[in-house]
Amino acid sequence: MSMISRQLPSMLTEAEASEMLGCSTRTLQSWRASGQGPRFVKLNGSMVRYPLKSIEDFIAGGERGPVAEGRK
């Protein structure tokens, strides 16, 4: 393994990210256009990639705890 590959984050394609999140690639595209969703990187001006950490952070950001008793 080269020094560079050990320093770069794991990058997911749009299809891989959508599969991990359980949504369509169209949903990811919509989120990108509206500034929502996980952080992404554009390579060479058009190639979209999602760092694995950004997917993990996006999922963690949506976590919710149990609702307190008596609250609905």
Protein backbone atom coordinates (compact mmCIF):
# COMPACT_ATOMS: atom_id res chain seq x y z
CA MET A 1 0.00 0.00 0.00
CA SER A 2 1.45 3.35 -0.97
CA MET A 3 1.77 6.31 1.39
CA ILE A 4 -0.84 8.25 -0.62
CA SER A 5 -3.53 5.56 -0.38
CA ARG A 6 -3.10 5.41 3.40
CA GLN A 7 -3.75 9.15 3.67
CA LEU A 8 -6.76 9.48 1.36
CA PRO A 9 -10.26 8.84 2.72
CA SER A 10 -12.26 5.99 1.30
CA MET A 11 -14.31 7.46 -1.54
CA LEU A 12 -17.69 6.08 -2.58
CA THR A 13 -19.37 6.46 -5.93
CA GLU A 14 -22.86 7.92 -6.07
CA ALA A 15 -24.29 4.41 -6.50
CA GLU A 16 -22.35 3.07 -3.50
CA ALA A 17 -23.40 6.01 -1.32
CA SER A 18 -27.06 5.67 -2.30
CA GLU A 19 -26.97 1.96 -1.50
CA MET A 20 -25.40 2.64 1.88
CA LEU A 21 -28.05 5.26 2.69
CA GLY A 22 -30.96 3.27 1.25
CA CYS A 23 -31.99 6.02 -1.14
CA SER A 24 -31.88 6.50 -4.90
CA THR A 25 -29.06 8.24 -6.75
CA ARG A 26 -31.71 10.76 -7.82
CA THR A 27 -32.29 11.61 -4.15
CA LEU A 28 -28.56 12.21 -3.68
CA GLN A 29 -28.57 14.46 -6.75
CA SER A 30 -31.51 16.40 -5.36
CA TRP A 31 -29.82 16.78 -1.98
CA ARG A 32 -26.65 18.07 -3.65
CA ALA A 33 -28.64 20.64 -5.65
CA SER A 34 -30.41 21.89 -2.51
CA GLY A 35 -27.34 21.84 -0.24
CA GLN A 36 -28.59 18.95 1.88
CA GLY A 37 -27.30 15.44 2.36
CA PRO A 38 -23.78 14.20 3.00
CA ARG A 39 -20.73 16.22 2.01
CA PHE A 40 -19.30 15.28 -1.37
CA VAL A 41 -16.28 15.95 -3.55
CA LYS A 42 -16.26 16.82 -7.24
CA LEU A 43 -13.22 15.53 -9.08
CA ASN A 44 -12.23 16.77 -12.51
CA GLY A 45 -15.23 19.10 -12.49
CA SER A 46 -17.93 16.45 -12.78
CA MET A 47 -17.03 13.17 -11.07
CA VAL A 48 -18.90 13.05 -7.74
CA ARG A 49 -17.51 11.04 -4.85
CA TYR A 50 -18.56 10.75 -1.22
CA PRO A 51 -15.91 10.31 1.45
CA LEU A 52 -16.97 7.38 3.64
CA LYS A 53 -16.63 9.61 6.72
CA SER A 54 -19.16 12.07 5.28
CA ILE A 55 -21.70 9.25 4.88
CA GLU A 56 -21.03 8.06 8.43
CA ASP A 57 -21.33 11.62 9.78
CA PHE A 58 -24.58 12.19 7.86
CA ILE A 59 -26.08 9.02 9.34
CA ALA A 60 -24.89 9.93 12.84
CA GLY A 61 -26.39 13.42 12.44
CA GLY A 62 -29.80 11.88 11.92
CA GLU A 63 -29.71 9.76 15.06
CA ARG A 64 -32.42 10.46 17.57
CA GLY A 65 -32.84 9.25 21.11
CA PRO A 66 -35.99 7.82 22.64
CA VAL A 67 -38.88 10.24 23.06
CA ALA A 68 -39.36 11.26 26.71
CA GLU A 69 -42.40 9.72 28.35
CA GLY A 70 -45.45 11.95 28.07
CA ARG A 71 -44.13 13.76 24.98
CA LYS A 72 -45.44 13.05 21.52
